[in-house]
Protein backbone atom coordinates (compact mmCIF):
# COMPACT_ATOMS: atom_id res chain seq x y z
CA MET A 1 99.67 139.47 71.95
CA PRO A 2 96.17 138.03 71.38
CA VAL A 3 96.00 134.93 69.19
CA GLU A 4 94.38 135.68 65.86
CA GLU A 5 91.32 133.48 65.23
CA LYS A 6 91.44 131.32 62.14
CA ILE A 7 88.78 132.14 59.55
CA ILE A 8 86.97 129.10 58.14
CA THR A 9 86.34 129.40 54.40
CA LEU A 10 83.33 127.29 53.41
CA THR A 11 81.50 126.41 50.23
CA VAL A 12 77.96 125.13 49.88
CA ASP A 13 79.35 121.77 48.75
CA ALA A 14 81.39 121.59 51.96
CA ILE A 15 78.28 122.26 54.06
CA LYS A 16 76.38 119.55 52.18
CA ASP A 17 79.23 117.12 52.80
CA TYR A 18 79.12 117.99 56.50
CA GLN A 19 75.37 117.37 56.58
CA VAL A 20 75.92 113.89 55.16
CA CYS A 21 78.87 112.99 57.42
CA GLU A 22 80.98 115.24 59.60
CA ARG A 23 83.83 112.68 59.60
CA PHE A 24 83.90 112.76 55.78
CA TYR A 25 83.97 116.58 55.96
CA ASP A 26 86.92 116.51 58.35
CA TYR A 27 88.94 114.14 56.17
CA LYS A 28 88.24 116.14 53.01
CA TYR A 29 88.40 119.77 54.11
CA ASN A 30 90.48 119.83 57.29
CA ASP A 31 92.91 116.93 56.82
CA LYS A 32 93.02 117.40 53.01
CA GLU A 33 93.06 113.63 52.52
CA PHE A 34 93.37 112.37 48.95
CA GLU A 35 89.91 111.57 47.54
CA TYR A 36 89.80 108.89 44.86
CA PHE A 37 87.42 109.33 41.92
CA THR A 38 86.53 106.76 39.29
CA GLY A 39 87.12 107.46 35.61
CA ARG A 40 83.36 107.69 35.10
CA GLU A 41 83.02 110.32 37.86
CA ILE A 42 85.89 112.36 36.42
CA MET A 43 84.37 112.24 32.93
CA SER A 44 80.93 113.19 34.25
CA ASP A 45 82.34 116.20 36.12
CA ARG A 46 84.31 117.30 33.07
CA PHE A 47 81.19 116.98 30.92
CA GLU A 48 79.19 119.18 33.28
CA ASN A 49 81.94 121.78 33.64
CA THR A 50 82.47 121.98 29.87
CA LEU A 51 78.76 122.56 29.29
CA LYS A 52 78.86 125.35 31.87
CA ARG A 53 81.79 126.97 30.08
CA VAL A 54 79.88 126.88 26.79
CA ALA A 55 76.85 128.43 28.51
CA SER A 56 79.06 131.22 29.90
CA PHE A 57 80.53 131.77 26.42
CA PHE A 58 76.98 132.18 25.05
CA PHE A 59 76.02 134.82 27.62
CA TYR A 60 79.30 136.74 27.37
CA LYS A 61 78.58 137.08 23.65
CA LYS A 62 74.97 138.02 24.33
CA GLN A 63 76.17 140.64 26.83
CA ALA A 64 78.07 142.17 23.91
CA GLU A 65 74.79 142.15 21.93
CA ILE A 66 75.81 139.17 19.81
CA VAL A 67 73.64 136.05 19.85
CA PRO A 68 75.91 133.09 18.96
CA SER A 69 74.55 130.54 16.52
CA TYR A 70 74.05 126.90 17.43
CA ASN A 71 77.09 126.04 15.28
CA ALA A 72 79.15 128.53 17.28
CA LEU A 73 78.19 126.69 20.46
CA LEU A 74 79.14 123.35 18.90
CA ASN A 75 82.50 124.71 17.78
CA ARG A 76 83.15 126.05 21.26
CA TRP A 77 82.23 122.69 22.78
CA GLU A 78 84.56 120.76 20.47
CA LYS A 79 87.49 123.08 21.20
CA LEU A 80 87.01 122.61 24.93
CA TRP A 81 86.11 118.93 24.93
CA PHE A 82 88.47 117.16 22.54
CA PRO A 83 92.25 117.12 23.17
CA LYS A 84 94.13 119.42 20.80
CA ASP A 85 96.39 116.64 19.52
CA MET A 86 93.54 114.20 18.79
CA ASP A 87 93.20 113.30 15.10
CA ALA A 88 90.58 111.28 13.18
CA TYR A 89 92.42 107.98 13.81
CA ASP A 90 92.60 108.62 17.57
CA LEU A 91 88.91 109.44 17.60
CA ALA A 92 88.02 106.21 15.77
CA VAL A 93 90.10 104.13 18.22
CA GLU A 94 88.61 105.98 21.18
CA GLN A 95 85.08 105.16 19.98
CA MET A 96 85.89 101.43 20.02
CA ASP A 97 87.51 101.49 23.45
CA PRO A 98 84.97 100.07 25.96
CA VAL A 99 86.79 101.67 28.91
CA HIS A 100 87.71 105.12 27.62
CA GLY A 101 85.21 105.40 24.79
CA ASN A 102 83.23 108.20 26.37
CA LEU A 103 84.41 111.35 24.60
CA SER A 104 82.27 110.85 21.50
CA THR A 105 79.26 109.58 23.44
CA TYR A 106 79.28 112.61 25.70
CA SER A 107 79.82 114.89 22.72
CA ASN A 108 76.73 113.53 20.96
CA GLN A 109 74.73 114.13 24.12
CA ALA A 110 76.12 117.65 24.39
CA ALA A 111 75.19 118.45 20.77
CA ALA A 112 71.54 117.61 21.42
CA ALA A 113 71.47 119.41 24.77
CA LEU A 114 73.11 122.55 23.37
CA GLU A 115 70.57 122.68 20.55
CA GLN A 116 67.79 122.85 23.14
CA PHE A 117 69.77 125.38 25.19
CA HIS A 118 70.13 127.56 22.08
CA ASN A 119 66.43 127.28 21.26
CA VAL A 120 65.52 128.48 24.75
CA PHE A 121 68.02 131.25 25.43
CA SER A 122 68.54 132.69 21.94
CA LYS A 123 64.89 133.83 22.12
CA ASP A 124 65.15 135.07 25.69
CA LYS A 125 64.94 138.87 25.83
CA SER A 126 66.54 139.16 29.30
CA ASP A 127 69.85 140.95 29.74
CA PRO A 128 72.76 139.02 31.31
CA ILE A 129 73.80 140.99 34.42
CA LEU A 130 76.21 138.52 36.05
CA ILE A 131 78.02 135.59 34.39
CA ASP A 132 80.00 133.02 36.38
CA GLU A 133 80.33 135.63 39.11
CA PRO A 134 82.25 134.74 42.30
CA TYR A 135 80.96 135.93 45.65
CA THR A 136 82.25 135.96 49.22
CA LEU A 137 79.77 136.17 52.06
CA THR A 138 80.95 136.95 55.60
CA LEU A 139 78.71 135.00 57.96
CA SER A 140 80.46 135.65 61.28
CA ARG A 141 83.86 136.62 62.66
CA LYS A 142 84.81 132.94 62.36
CA SER A 143 83.66 132.02 58.86
CA ARG A 144 82.98 133.15 55.34
CA LEU A 145 81.22 131.45 52.46
CA GLU A 146 82.49 131.43 48.89
CA GLY A 147 80.62 130.47 45.75
CA ARG A 148 79.65 131.47 42.22
CA ILE A 149 76.52 132.72 40.49
CA ASP A 150 76.27 130.95 37.13
CA VAL A 151 74.13 133.59 35.47
CA MET A 152 71.76 136.40 36.43
CA LEU A 153 69.24 137.53 33.82
CA LYS A 154 67.16 140.70 34.15
CA ASP A 155 64.09 141.81 32.24
CA LYS A 156 61.44 144.48 32.91
CA ILE A 157 59.56 142.30 35.40
CA LYS A 158 62.02 140.14 37.34
CA THR A 159 65.61 139.08 37.82
CA ARG A 160 66.35 135.38 37.44
CA VAL A 161 69.30 133.69 39.09
CA ILE A 162 69.98 130.44 37.23
CA LYS A 163 72.17 127.59 38.36
CA TRP A 164 73.41 125.24 35.64
CA SER A 165 73.15 121.53 36.29
CA GLY A 166 74.69 118.70 34.27
CA ARG A 167 73.00 116.01 36.33
CA LYS A 168 69.46 115.01 37.19
CA ILE A 169 67.86 117.74 39.27
CA LYS A 170 67.16 116.55 42.80
CA ASN A 171 64.33 118.01 44.85
CA ASN A 172 65.60 120.66 47.28
CA TYR A 173 69.25 119.82 46.53
CA SER A 174 69.85 123.38 45.32
CA ILE A 175 68.02 125.18 48.15
CA LEU A 176 71.27 125.72 50.07
CA ASP A 177 72.99 127.06 46.94
CA PHE A 178 70.25 129.59 46.28
CA THR A 179 70.00 130.60 49.93
CA ALA A 180 73.70 131.52 49.91
CA MET A 181 73.26 133.36 46.59
CA ARG A 182 70.30 135.34 47.89
CA MET A 183 72.23 136.38 51.00
CA ALA A 184 75.22 137.38 48.86
CA ILE A 185 73.02 139.37 46.45
CA GLU A 186 71.28 141.15 49.32
CA ASN A 187 74.69 142.26 50.61
CA ARG A 188 75.54 143.94 47.31
CA GLU A 189 75.29 147.73 46.92
CA VAL A 190 72.86 147.31 44.02
CA ARG A 191 70.19 144.79 44.97
CA PRO A 192 67.79 143.74 42.18
CA LYS A 193 64.12 143.31 43.05
CA ASN A 194 61.75 140.45 42.26
CA LEU A 195 64.39 137.76 42.45
CA GLU A 196 63.60 134.33 41.06
CA PHE A 197 65.84 131.30 41.51
CA GLY A 198 65.92 128.23 39.31
CA VAL A 199 67.99 125.33 38.00
CA TYR A 200 68.35 124.63 34.29
CA ASP A 201 69.40 121.13 33.26
CA LEU A 202 72.14 121.63 30.68
CA ALA A 203 72.70 117.95 29.98
CA THR A 204 69.41 116.83 28.42
CA VAL A 205 67.43 117.60 25.29
CA LYS A 206 64.45 118.48 27.49
CA GLY A 207 66.28 121.44 28.99
CA LYS A 208 64.26 121.16 32.18
CA TYR A 209 63.94 124.32 34.30
CA GLU A 210 62.83 124.12 37.93
CA GLN A 211 62.09 127.16 40.07
CA PHE A 212 62.93 127.27 43.79
CA ASP A 213 61.37 129.49 46.44
CA ILE A 214 63.80 130.66 49.12
CA THR A 215 62.49 131.62 52.55
CA ASN A 216 63.92 133.20 55.69
CA SER A 217 63.74 129.74 57.25
CA ASP A 218 66.23 128.53 54.62
CA GLU A 219 68.59 131.31 55.69
CA ASP A 220 68.19 130.24 59.33
CA SER A 221 69.03 126.69 58.28
CA LEU A 222 72.19 127.81 56.49
CA ARG A 223 73.35 129.80 59.50
CA TYR A 224 72.63 126.83 61.76
CA TRP A 225 74.84 124.47 59.76
CA VAL A 226 77.62 127.04 59.52
CA ASN A 227 77.49 127.47 63.30
CA GLU A 228 77.63 123.69 63.70
CA ILE A 229 80.86 123.58 61.68
CA GLU A 230 82.33 126.58 63.53
CA THR A 231 81.78 125.04 66.96
CA LYS A 232 82.52 121.41 66.15
CA GLU A 233 85.41 119.94 68.13
CA VAL A 234 85.11 116.21 67.41
CA TYR A 235 83.95 115.01 63.99
CA VAL A 236 82.34 111.64 64.66
CA PRO A 237 81.69 109.03 61.91
CA ARG A 238 78.34 107.71 60.70
CA ARG A 239 79.93 104.60 59.24
CA GLY A 240 77.33 102.14 58.01
CA LEU A 241 74.42 104.43 58.87
CA THR A 242 73.93 106.19 55.51
CA PRO A 243 73.86 104.98 51.90
CA TYR A 244 76.76 107.35 51.18
CA CYS A 245 79.08 105.05 53.13
CA LYS A 246 79.06 102.57 50.26
CA GLY A 247 82.02 103.47 48.07
CA CYS A 248 83.23 106.26 50.37
CA ALA A 249 86.77 107.34 49.52
CA PHE A 250 87.67 107.47 53.22
CA ASP A 251 86.21 104.15 54.32
CA LYS A 252 89.57 102.71 55.44
CA GLN A 253 90.45 105.76 57.53
CA CYS A 254 86.96 105.78 59.00
CA SER A 255 87.14 102.10 59.97
CA GLU A 256 90.33 102.80 61.94
CA TRP A 257 89.09 105.99 63.61
CA SER A 258 89.04 105.91 67.42
CA GLY A 259 88.70 109.51 68.45
CA TRP A 260 85.53 109.17 70.50
CA PRO A 261 85.56 111.71 73.36
CA ARG A 262 85.89 110.19 76.81
CA GLU A 263 84.70 111.72 80.03
CA VAL A 264 87.32 112.33 82.70
CA ARG A 265 86.42 110.23 85.73
């Protein structure tokens, strides 16, 4: 019987990790090595994910023709952010703790950011079409790409695909995300016209929005990197050659790696 080929399931984050260092990619996604995160990194990720959940809550309500108030967003944030068994005394102690005293600080930041979010999107007349929508894109017989569309908003003129960000927006960092989204949307039975892609910064009072233009060249780039991963046999390290090496979770394993291919003489 023929051997069934293994399907590689990728995400955009996995492709970005591969672009930075294929050895890091191999440790993380193939070997499933434990990746250590600092308390600050964990808190920052939780902050971003909680803001995204509040944003989804807002648009689910708006989809039902209810525009939540700013106070409703704050209440939703507090329910998601603070532990259920935390009382006023615990909160006071937590605020004085120099190591773990981040819950209240982040919450104050979220309150200001959500006020700006509410000011922008409560007045927006677009209809939410997709909210936190998963997609699977088959790229070849060897691989598929999975991801999520944070929100798609449609009005009479255009359809906006918005990616939420809880960190500083980096130039071109989201191009790969939007390229995958565009390809996934174009594979749907109902394909909206006049697509616009942009990132909204959920974490600041400025509520910065940045639009991205996606080209066919970006799609070629995505397919190139996917093909690179599909055909890769030896994942070589770039140890010491990129700034990402500093603080890498797999530095010890990388320093001991000796899998360089050797020619048969």
